[in-house]
Protein backbone atom coordinates (compact mmCIF):
# COMPACT_ATOMS: atom_id res chain seq x y z
CA UNK A 1 -0.09 0.33 0.11
CA UNK A 2 2.61 2.59 1.31
CA UNK A 3 4.57 2.08 -2.20
CA UNK A 4 1.68 2.50 -4.15
CA UNK A 5 0.98 5.92 -2.32
CA UNK A 6 4.63 7.13 -3.66
CA UNK A 7 3.92 6.16 -6.67
CA UNK A 8 0.94 7.95 -7.02
CA UNK A 9 2.59 11.13 -5.05
CA UNK A 10 5.23 10.55 -7.58
CA UNK A 11 3.21 10.59 -10.84
CA UNK A 12 1.06 14.03 -9.99
CA UNK A 13 4.05 15.72 -9.09
CA UNK A 14 5.87 15.25 -12.34
CA UNK A 15 2.64 15.44 -14.52
CA UNK A 16 2.28 19.14 -13.18
CA UNK A 17 5.65 20.41 -15.50
CA UNK A 18 3.53 20.66 -18.81
CA UNK A 19 6.55 22.31 -20.51
CA UNK A 20 10.29 21.97 -20.56
CA UNK A 21 12.73 24.29 -21.80
CA UNK A 22 16.24 23.03 -23.19
CA UNK A 23 18.66 25.46 -22.37
CA UNK A 24 23.07 25.75 -23.39
CA UNK A 25 24.73 27.86 -20.59
CA UNK A 26 26.06 30.02 -23.40
CA UNK A 27 22.07 30.45 -24.47
CA UNK A 28 21.32 31.06 -20.94
CA UNK A 29 23.41 33.53 -20.41
CA UNK A 30 22.05 35.38 -23.22
CA UNK A 31 18.90 35.08 -22.03
CA UNK A 32 19.57 37.02 -18.13
CA UNK A 33 22.08 39.58 -20.85
CA UNK A 34 18.27 40.27 -22.43
CA UNK A 35 16.16 40.47 -20.22
CA UNK A 36 17.06 40.12 -17.01
CA UNK A 37 15.26 43.07 -14.85
CA UNK A 38 17.85 44.34 -12.65
CA UNK A 39 19.56 44.88 -15.84
CA UNK A 40 16.95 46.78 -17.41
CA UNK A 41 16.60 49.07 -14.45
CA UNK A 42 20.63 49.79 -14.53
CA UNK A 43 20.10 50.19 -18.07
CA UNK A 44 17.16 52.67 -17.56
CA UNK A 45 20.00 54.63 -15.25
CA UNK A 46 22.71 54.72 -17.38
CA UNK A 47 20.13 56.76 -19.88
CA UNK A 48 19.13 58.95 -17.04
CA UNK A 49 22.80 60.09 -16.43
CA UNK A 50 23.47 60.46 -20.04
CA UNK A 51 20.61 62.76 -20.12
CA UNK A 52 21.78 64.12 -16.91
CA UNK A 53 25.07 65.19 -18.77
CA UNK A 54 23.59 66.73 -22.09
CA UNK A 55 21.48 68.92 -20.01
CA UNK A 56 24.16 70.32 -17.71
CA UNK A 57 26.45 70.27 -20.81
CA UNK A 58 23.58 72.78 -22.26
CA UNK A 59 24.29 75.70 -19.54
CA UNK A 60 27.06 76.71 -22.21
CA UNK A 61 24.79 77.20 -24.83
CA UNK A 62 24.78 80.32 -26.66
CA UNK A 63 20.94 82.12 -25.82
CA UNK A 64 18.72 84.01 -28.79
CA UNK A 65 16.37 85.70 -27.29
CA UNK A 66 13.75 88.88 -28.98
CA UNK A 67 11.06 91.16 -28.13
CA UNK A 68 9.11 93.52 -28.96
CA UNK A 69 6.42 95.78 -27.91
CA UNK A 70 3.99 98.44 -28.85
CA UNK A 71 2.67 101.05 -26.08
CA UNK A 72 -0.04 103.64 -26.45
CA UNK A 73 -0.28 107.10 -23.71
CA UNK A 74 -2.74 109.89 -24.21
CA UNK A 75 -3.15 112.11 -21.31
CA UNK A 76 -5.56 115.59 -21.16
CA UNK A 77 -5.21 118.47 -18.21
CA UNK A 78 -7.50 120.92 -18.15
CA UNK A 79 -6.63 124.31 -16.49
CA UNK A 80 -8.70 127.94 -15.55
CA UNK A 81 -6.63 128.79 -18.28
CA UNK A 82 -5.87 126.12 -20.45
CA UNK A 83 -6.68 122.52 -21.91
CA UNK A 84 -3.80 120.64 -24.32
CA UNK A 85 -3.71 116.57 -25.04
CA UNK A 86 -0.91 114.16 -25.56
CA UNK A 87 -0.36 111.32 -26.76
CA UNK A 88 2.44 109.27 -27.50
CA UNK A 89 2.59 105.86 -30.03
CA UNK A 90 5.84 104.24 -29.25
CA UNK A 91 7.02 100.72 -30.75
CA UNK A 92 9.37 98.60 -29.50
CA UNK A 93 12.10 95.80 -30.71
CA UNK A 94 15.57 94.06 -30.98
CA UNK A 95 17.64 90.91 -30.18
CA UNK A 96 19.97 89.64 -28.40
CA UNK A 97 22.52 86.76 -27.67
CA UNK A 98 24.37 86.27 -25.03
CA UNK A 99 26.34 83.17 -24.10
CA UNK A 100 28.51 81.62 -20.53
CA UNK A 101 31.78 80.43 -21.29
CA UNK A 102 33.64 77.94 -19.33
CA UNK A 103 36.25 80.81 -17.99
CA UNK A 104 33.71 82.19 -16.43
CA UNK A 105 33.18 84.82 -19.09
CA UNK A 106 29.75 85.70 -19.72
CA UNK A 107 28.91 87.46 -23.01
CA UNK A 108 26.37 89.78 -24.92
CA UNK A 109 24.89 91.48 -28.16
CA UNK A 110 22.04 93.54 -28.42
CA UNK A 111 20.37 95.00 -31.08
CA UNK A 112 17.48 97.69 -30.54
CA UNK A 113 15.53 100.03 -32.14
CA UNK A 114 12.73 101.77 -30.71
CA UNK A 115 9.97 104.03 -33.15
CA UNK A 116 8.41 106.63 -30.86
CA UNK A 117 5.25 108.92 -32.10
CA UNK A 118 4.30 111.54 -29.82
CA UNK A 119 1.84 114.52 -30.74
CA UNK A 120 0.11 117.38 -28.19
CA UNK A 121 -1.92 119.88 -29.09
CA UNK A 122 -3.10 123.12 -26.12
CA UNK A 123 -5.39 126.37 -26.20
CA UNK A 124 -4.14 129.14 -24.01
CA UNK A 125 -6.96 132.11 -23.17
CA UNK A 126 -5.94 134.93 -20.68
CA UNK A 127 -9.21 137.21 -20.77
CA UNK A 128 -9.45 138.55 -24.97
CA UNK A 129 -6.34 136.53 -25.48
CA UNK A 130 -5.81 132.86 -27.01
CA UNK A 131 -2.87 130.64 -27.89
CA UNK A 132 -3.26 127.62 -29.39
CA UNK A 133 -0.87 125.21 -30.77
CA UNK A 134 -0.07 121.57 -31.50
CA UNK A 135 3.15 119.68 -32.05
CA UNK A 136 3.60 116.18 -34.14
CA UNK A 137 7.45 114.45 -33.84
CA UNK A 138 8.59 110.82 -34.67
CA UNK A 139 12.03 109.50 -33.77
CA UNK A 140 13.84 106.29 -34.70
CA UNK A 141 16.39 105.36 -32.08
CA UNK A 142 18.83 102.21 -32.89
CA UNK A 143 21.52 100.65 -30.49
CA UNK A 144 23.87 98.17 -31.05
CA UNK A 145 25.95 96.94 -27.48
CA UNK A 146 28.56 95.15 -26.38
CA UNK A 147 29.08 93.35 -22.93
CA UNK A 148 31.90 91.63 -21.35
CA UNK A 149 31.45 90.54 -17.60
CA UNK A 150 34.83 88.49 -16.79
CA UNK A 151 35.01 86.67 -13.14
CA UNK A 152 38.63 87.08 -11.43
CA UNK A 153 38.90 85.41 -8.55
CA UNK A 154 36.11 82.34 -8.11
CA UNK A 155 34.87 81.21 -11.20
CA UNK A 156 37.88 81.88 -12.90
CA UNK A 157 39.06 78.79 -13.54
CA UNK A 158 37.30 76.80 -15.81
CA UNK A 159 37.57 73.53 -13.87
CA UNK A 160 35.66 75.25 -10.99
CA UNK A 161 32.67 76.17 -14.23
CA UNK A 162 32.26 73.22 -15.43
CA UNK A 163 31.48 71.29 -12.16
CA UNK A 164 28.13 71.07 -13.27
CA UNK A 165 28.96 69.12 -16.60
CA UNK A 166 31.91 67.41 -14.32
CA UNK A 167 29.48 65.77 -11.79
CA UNK A 168 26.53 64.94 -14.72
CA UNK A 169 30.24 62.85 -16.69
CA UNK A 170 30.58 61.32 -13.15
CA UNK A 171 27.13 60.25 -13.40
CA UNK A 172 27.27 59.24 -16.41
CA UNK A 173 30.17 56.81 -15.30
CA UNK A 174 28.78 55.88 -11.98
CA UNK A 175 25.71 54.27 -13.90
CA UNK A 176 28.22 52.75 -17.12
CA UNK A 177 30.10 51.29 -13.50
CA UNK A 178 26.60 50.25 -12.37
CA UNK A 179 25.47 49.04 -14.99
CA UNK A 180 28.63 46.90 -15.87
CA UNK A 181 28.56 45.33 -11.92
CA UNK A 182 25.11 44.63 -12.43
CA UNK A 183 25.41 43.00 -15.90
CA UNK A 184 29.15 40.66 -14.33
CA UNK A 185 26.10 40.10 -10.93
CA UNK A 186 23.63 38.96 -13.44
CA UNK A 187 26.19 36.55 -15.40
CA UNK A 188 27.44 35.24 -12.20
CA UNK A 189 24.10 34.47 -9.99
CA UNK A 190 22.70 32.85 -13.67
CA UNK A 191 26.14 31.00 -13.86
CA UNK A 192 26.04 29.26 -10.47
CA UNK A 193 21.86 29.42 -10.46
CA UNK A 194 22.65 26.68 -14.30
CA UNK A 195 25.32 24.60 -12.23
CA UNK A 196 22.97 24.01 -9.86
CA UNK A 197 20.23 23.86 -11.38
CA UNK A 198 22.78 21.22 -13.49
CA UNK A 199 24.16 19.53 -10.08
CA UNK A 200 19.65 18.87 -9.04
CA UNK A 201 19.31 16.82 -12.52
CA UNK A 202 22.58 14.99 -11.60
CA UNK A 203 20.92 14.19 -8.17
CA UNK A 204 17.14 13.35 -9.82
CA UNK A 205 19.34 11.22 -12.37
CA UNK A 206 20.96 9.09 -8.94
CA UNK A 207 18.01 9.05 -7.37
CA UNK A 208 15.73 7.22 -10.19
CA UNK A 209 18.99 5.20 -10.41
CA UNK A 210 18.77 4.57 -6.89
CA UNK A 211 14.84 3.43 -7.24
CA UNK A 212 15.19 1.72 -10.56
CA UNK A 213 17.95 -0.85 -8.58
CA UNK A 214 15.77 -0.58 -5.31
CA UNK A 215 12.82 -2.39 -7.37
CA UNK A 216 15.27 -4.79 -9.21
CA UNK A 217 16.83 -5.96 -5.56
CA UNK A 218 13.23 -6.36 -4.41
CA UNK A 219 12.29 -8.41 -7.14
CA UNK A 220 15.51 -10.20 -6.07
CA UNK A 221 14.96 -10.34 -2.80
CA UNK A 222 11.36 -11.88 -3.29
CA UNK A 223 12.91 -14.59 -5.57
CA UNK A 224 15.53 -15.72 -3.07
CA UNK A 225 13.02 -14.91 -0.19
CA UNK A 226 10.21 -17.75 -2.03
CA UNK A 227 13.20 -20.27 -2.94
CA UNK A 228 14.07 -19.91 0.49
CA UNK A 229 17.63 -18.96 0.16
CA UNK A 230 16.81 -15.57 2.71
CA UNK A 231 14.85 -14.59 5.83
CA UNK A 232 11.94 -12.84 5.68
CA UNK A 233 13.65 -10.31 7.56
CA UNK A 234 15.54 -9.19 4.30
CA UNK A 235 11.94 -8.69 2.45
CA UNK A 236 11.41 -5.94 4.84
CA UNK A 237 14.37 -4.11 4.54
CA UNK A 238 14.00 -4.01 0.51
CA UNK A 239 11.07 -2.63 0.89
CA UNK A 240 12.41 -0.07 2.72
CA UNK A 241 15.15 0.66 1.13
CA UNK A 242 12.15 0.91 -1.98
CA UNK A 243 10.34 3.69 0.00
CA UNK A 244 13.79 6.01 0.87
CA UNK A 245 14.36 5.60 -2.61
CA UNK A 246 11.59 6.90 -3.26
CA UNK A 247 10.96 9.89 -0.98
CA UNK A 248 14.96 10.77 -2.37
CA UNK A 249 13.06 10.91 -5.41
CA UNK A 250 10.11 13.04 -4.97
CA UNK A 251 12.69 15.11 -3.01
CA UNK A 252 15.11 15.77 -6.01
CA UNK A 253 12.38 16.28 -8.21
CA UNK A 254 11.15 19.16 -5.75
CA UNK A 255 14.60 20.47 -5.38
CA UNK A 256 14.71 20.44 -9.48
CA UNK A 257 11.76 22.69 -9.56
CA UNK A 258 12.97 24.61 -7.34
CA UNK A 259 16.30 25.54 -9.54
CA UNK A 260 14.44 25.99 -11.99
CA UNK A 261 12.46 28.74 -11.12
CA UNK A 262 15.27 30.49 -9.85
CA UNK A 263 17.15 30.68 -12.90
CA UNK A 264 13.54 31.33 -15.05
CA UNK A 265 14.01 34.80 -12.90
CA UNK A 266 17.35 35.32 -13.13
CA UNK A 267 17.05 35.16 -16.73
CA UNK A 268 13.26 36.93 -16.45
CA UNK A 269 10.99 34.69 -16.88
CA UNK A 270 7.88 33.54 -15.26
CA UNK A 271 8.34 30.29 -12.82
CA UNK A 272 6.34 27.49 -14.05
CA UNK A 273 8.40 26.11 -16.71
CA UNK A 274 10.86 23.00 -16.24
CA UNK A 275 14.24 24.81 -17.53
CA UNK A 276 16.60 21.76 -18.20
CA UNK A 277 20.20 22.53 -18.38
CA UNK A 278 22.17 21.04 -21.68
CA UNK A 279 25.67 21.70 -20.95
CA UNK A 280 28.51 20.15 -19.08
CA UNK A 281 30.68 22.33 -15.61
CA UNK A 282 33.63 22.74 -17.29
CA UNK A 283 36.70 20.56 -17.12
CA UNK A 284 39.58 21.14 -14.71
CA UNK A 285 41.92 23.50 -15.39
CA UNK A 286 45.07 22.09 -16.75
CA UNK A 287 47.50 24.73 -15.09
CA UNK A 288 47.37 25.88 -11.63
CA UNK A 289 46.90 29.57 -11.93
CA UNK A 290 49.75 31.99 -10.05
CA UNK A 291 48.14 34.07 -6.50
CA UNK A 292 49.95 37.07 -7.45
CA UNK A 293 48.90 37.63 -11.01
CA UNK A 294 45.44 36.52 -10.70
CA UNK A 295 45.12 39.32 -7.67
CA UNK A 296 46.80 42.05 -9.77
CA UNK A 297 44.47 41.26 -12.34
CA UNK A 298 41.53 41.58 -9.87
CA UNK A 299 42.46 44.75 -8.65
CA UNK A 300 41.90 46.06 -11.84
CA UNK A 301 39.07 44.76 -13.05
CA UNK A 302 36.96 43.99 -10.44
CA UNK A 303 34.27 46.02 -10.57
CA UNK A 304 33.59 47.57 -7.02
CA UNK A 305 37.83 48.67 -7.05
CA UNK A 306 36.29 50.21 -10.46
CA UNK A 307 33.40 52.37 -7.95
CA UNK A 308 35.86 53.16 -5.61
CA UNK A 309 38.50 54.79 -7.66
CA UNK A 310 35.98 56.29 -8.99
CA UNK A 311 34.27 57.78 -5.96
CA UNK A 312 37.89 59.15 -4.67
CA UNK A 313 38.20 61.28 -7.75
CA UNK A 314 35.26 62.46 -7.10
CA UNK A 315 35.72 63.29 -3.49
CA UNK A 316 39.28 64.67 -5.06
CA UNK A 317 37.39 67.09 -7.80
CA UNK A 318 34.88 67.90 -4.82
CA UNK A 319 37.47 69.10 -2.50
CA UNK A 320 38.75 71.33 -5.49
CA UNK A 321 36.60 72.89 -5.75
CA UNK A 322 35.26 73.96 -2.36
CA UNK A 323 38.67 75.47 -2.06
CA UNK A 324 37.99 77.04 -5.25
CA UNK A 325 35.01 78.47 -4.10
CA UNK A 326 36.75 80.32 -1.00
CA UNK A 327 37.76 83.03 -2.75
CA UNK A 328 35.79 86.23 -2.82
CA UNK A 329 34.12 86.59 -6.04
CA UNK A 330 35.44 89.80 -8.37
CA UNK A 331 33.58 90.56 -11.95
CA UNK A 332 34.79 93.14 -14.72
CA UNK A 333 32.36 95.06 -16.57
CA UNK A 334 32.26 96.39 -19.55
CA UNK A 335 29.97 97.27 -21.94
CA UNK A 336 30.25 99.07 -25.21
CA UNK A 337 27.67 100.72 -26.85
CA UNK A 338 27.07 102.75 -30.48
CA UNK A 339 24.12 104.42 -31.05
CA UNK A 340 22.03 106.00 -33.86
CA UNK A 341 19.18 108.22 -34.10
CA UNK A 342 17.20 109.85 -37.06
CA UNK A 343 14.37 112.74 -35.63
CA UNK A 344 12.78 111.92 -39.52
CA UNK A 345 11.58 108.49 -37.76
CA UNK A 346 13.94 107.64 -40.74
CA UNK A 347 15.52 104.18 -39.79
CA UNK A 348 17.95 103.76 -42.53
CA UNK A 349 19.67 107.07 -41.20
CA UNK A 350 19.57 104.99 -37.92
CA UNK A 351 21.22 102.35 -38.27
CA UNK A 352 23.66 104.28 -40.54
CA UNK A 353 24.28 106.53 -37.42
CA UNK A 354 25.69 103.34 -35.80
CA UNK A 355 27.74 102.49 -37.81
CA UNK A 356 29.36 105.82 -38.43
CA UNK A 357 30.63 105.31 -34.05
CA UNK A 358 29.78 109.72 -33.80
CA UNK A 359 27.11 108.43 -30.46
CA UNK A 360 29.72 106.08 -28.54
CA UNK A 361 28.81 104.52 -24.74
CA UNK A 362 31.30 102.79 -22.55
CA UNK A 363 30.76 101.39 -19.23
CA UNK A 364 34.02 99.34 -17.33
CA UNK A 365 33.89 98.78 -13.73
CA UNK A 366 34.77 96.12 -11.09
CA UNK A 367 32.37 93.84 -8.55
CA UNK A 368 34.06 92.52 -4.82
CA UNK A 369 31.45 90.43 -3.42
CA UNK A 370 33.08 88.93 0.07
CA UNK A 371 30.77 86.93 2.55
CA UNK A 372 31.54 87.90 5.96
CA UNK A 373 32.53 85.05 8.67
CA UNK A 374 31.95 82.86 4.34
CA UNK A 375 30.47 80.11 6.53
CA UNK A 376 28.91 78.42 3.47
CA UNK A 377 31.87 77.60 2.08
CA UNK A 378 33.79 76.14 4.56
CA UNK A 379 31.63 74.06 5.28
CA UNK A 380 31.47 72.76 2.56
CA UNK A 381 34.60 72.65 2.04
CA UNK A 382 35.11 70.51 5.62
CA UNK A 383 32.30 68.21 4.28
CA UNK A 384 34.52 67.63 1.35
CA UNK A 385 37.62 66.69 3.56
CA UNK A 386 35.85 64.17 5.27
CA UNK A 387 34.51 62.43 2.25
CA UNK A 388 37.94 62.01 0.97
CA UNK A 389 38.88 60.81 3.78
CA UNK A 390 36.45 57.96 3.56
CA UNK A 391 36.76 57.61 0.31
CA UNK A 392 40.67 57.00 0.98
CA UNK A 393 39.25 54.13 3.68
CA UNK A 394 36.69 52.31 1.37
CA UNK A 395 39.41 52.00 -1.25
CA UNK A 396 41.71 50.67 1.27
CA UNK A 397 38.78 48.73 2.24
CA UNK A 398 37.47 47.08 -1.04
CA UNK A 399 41.43 46.40 -2.18
CA UNK A 400 41.15 44.16 0.86
CA UNK A 401 37.79 42.71 0.21
CA UNK A 402 39.10 42.18 -2.92
CA UNK A 403 42.35 40.48 -2.59
CA UNK A 404 40.70 38.24 0.21
CA UNK A 405 38.08 36.78 -1.83
CA UNK A 406 39.98 36.40 -5.12
CA UNK A 407 42.15 34.22 -2.84
CA UNK A 408 39.47 32.22 -1.45
CA UNK A 409 38.22 31.90 -5.32
CA UNK A 410 42.06 30.18 -5.57
CA UNK A 411 41.79 28.13 -2.97
CA UNK A 412 38.45 27.01 -3.74
CA UNK A 413 39.35 25.59 -7.23
CA UNK A 414 42.93 24.00 -5.72
CA UNK A 415 40.74 22.20 -3.69
CA UNK A 416 37.40 22.09 -6.26
CA UNK A 417 40.14 19.75 -8.31
CA UNK A 418 41.00 18.21 -5.55
CA UNK A 419 37.22 16.85 -4.36
CA UNK A 420 36.70 16.31 -7.88
CA UNK A 421 39.39 14.01 -8.27
CA UNK A 422 38.80 11.96 -4.72
CA UNK A 423 35.05 11.58 -5.49
CA UNK A 424 36.35 10.36 -8.11
CA UNK A 425 37.86 8.11 -7.03
CA UNK A 426 35.38 7.40 -4.08
CA UNK A 427 32.97 6.45 -6.95
CA UNK A 428 35.14 3.84 -8.10
CA UNK A 429 36.04 1.75 -4.76
CA UNK A 430 31.91 1.93 -3.94
CA UNK A 431 30.85 0.75 -7.53
CA UNK A 432 34.08 -1.71 -6.42
CA UNK A 433 32.28 -2.57 -3.04
CA UNK A 434 28.80 -3.41 -4.59
CA UNK A 435 29.94 -4.79 -6.61
CA UNK A 436 31.68 -7.85 -4.36
CA UNK A 437 29.04 -7.57 -2.16
CA UNK A 438 26.64 -8.55 -4.58
CA UNK A 439 28.71 -11.24 -5.39
CA UNK A 440 28.89 -12.67 -1.68
CA UNK A 441 25.62 -12.56 -1.86
CA UNK A 442 25.18 -14.63 -4.81
CA UNK A 443 27.00 -17.64 -2.99
CA UNK A 444 25.72 -17.03 0.26
CA UNK A 445 27.88 -15.46 1.99
CA UNK A 446 26.86 -11.70 2.78
CA UNK A 447 23.42 -10.63 3.27
CA UNK A 448 21.00 -8.00 2.46
CA UNK A 449 21.93 -4.89 4.57
CA UNK A 450 25.48 -5.48 3.26
CA UNK A 451 24.18 -5.17 0.14
CA UNK A 452 22.30 -2.67 0.66
CA UNK A 453 24.78 -0.38 2.44
CA UNK A 454 26.94 -0.76 -1.15
CA UNK A 455 24.20 0.75 -3.13
CA UNK A 456 23.67 3.43 -0.77
CA UNK A 457 27.67 4.00 -1.18
CA UNK A 458 27.20 4.32 -4.45
CA UNK A 459 24.20 6.52 -4.56
CA UNK A 460 26.26 8.86 -2.29
CA UNK A 461 29.56 8.55 -4.27
CA UNK A 462 27.78 9.87 -7.81
CA UNK A 463 25.89 12.96 -5.24
CA UNK A 464 29.73 13.71 -4.08
CA UNK A 465 31.19 13.59 -7.19
CA UNK A 466 28.37 15.44 -8.82
CA UNK A 467 28.81 18.43 -6.23
CA UNK A 468 32.65 18.29 -6.57
CA UNK A 469 32.32 18.89 -9.76
CA UNK A 470 29.54 21.76 -9.48
CA UNK A 471 31.51 23.82 -7.06
CA UNK A 472 34.68 23.23 -8.85
CA UNK A 473 32.11 25.68 -11.71
CA UNK A 474 30.94 27.91 -9.30
CA UNK A 475 33.55 28.43 -7.71
CA UNK A 476 35.40 29.45 -11.63
CA UNK A 477 32.16 32.09 -11.93
CA UNK A 478 32.63 33.93 -8.16
CA UNK A 479 36.94 33.78 -9.62
CA UNK A 480 35.84 35.94 -12.73
CA UNK A 481 33.29 37.95 -10.70
CA UNK A 482 35.77 39.03 -9.40
CA UNK A 483 38.01 39.14 -12.07
CA UNK A 484 35.39 41.63 -13.24
CA UNK A 485 35.38 39.56 -16.93
CA UNK A 486 32.38 38.38 -18.10
CA UNK A 487 34.39 35.77 -20.10
CA UNK A 488 36.06 34.12 -17.50
CA UNK A 489 32.18 32.90 -16.94
CA UNK A 490 30.88 32.04 -19.81
CA UNK A 491 33.41 29.82 -20.61
């Protein structure tokens, strides 16, 4: 009854696998790079940072502007002896081009024109005496003005004025480094998940083989019991072995399903489809790796090291900018303007007046601004110095961590290789022992318990060999992640 129940449960469990997707190792990594949710988010962050850089550079784009306007004003006045009115109509328009340069220079060029029409009349009466008059004038004025403002102390350094651009560029570099790290981490996680899936497949195959062997052994013992060559207790032992084999098979199938779902999530897929690994773990390296050369490569290329060095460079730049901001603000201002004017509202004559240079206007001056106490800039400098110290300590700690983790993975590789060799030897010994126990059983010199234990030892040795090969493949993946090279993981 109990074996039948286990068989029914197994059929129900396996029957839930409505679809199977077979993938090689390379195909899996390609899907991870294309669909992993974390990578999609990191790529969006890089795109946003790139947009921020374009926006920051736009601060130095020249600005063109134009304006036009018309005004009208009428006034009347009445007294005991006088009455009159004024009417003024004007039309003003102009255009300008301005730009701020990284040298701390502000430049502008403006052309402005004004048409003005004025009409007035009055009537003055004193007794029998009356006097009235009216006047009408129309003028046109035009001017061309060039101005420049130059920072002489704070804001004189190009690097300081490009601070916003540098920060945006650092944001792009940071986002790119984060994306590279995310890619490396996603590929490494998928690689570990893939080899774990392959390991679970091996355990499932071992469990199936163990169940088949236990069932065959059950058949043999039943035949021996029927012929009187085995005690009744032996059938109990093989019954227990069959039950345990079915239990192990159920657990192996559940673990396989969980490993498949884990890999599916990393690939950006919905869990539920059973993924089957079609590749085998990487063969052991033919030669040992040089720890010193591998460590140097890790320090140069590890993504955490790249980010730590970038943070240090950013902190150094921030401190230089904070020290420059301690200077007073001193600016030189100058402008030169040419005027044109015509009393008959003739635009051509007004424009000609600009170029003959008869009505010049110029200004030259300077402005000094110094915050008393300057606590804002002093506080920013202190903060930047502290952040630089933190960045240096973070770089030192990251270096030590990378060295430690890299050497750990190198030891894991060496240990994994030894475990593979030992597991292979252990498997051969277990198979030899099982064959010997079966031979003794056929001669009546061994009990069923010894045969079952020998069979269990073979299954355990197979599982240990699969685990050793998986651990070695995972150690290679982790070493590739430390080295910052996806090609090492993709092998």
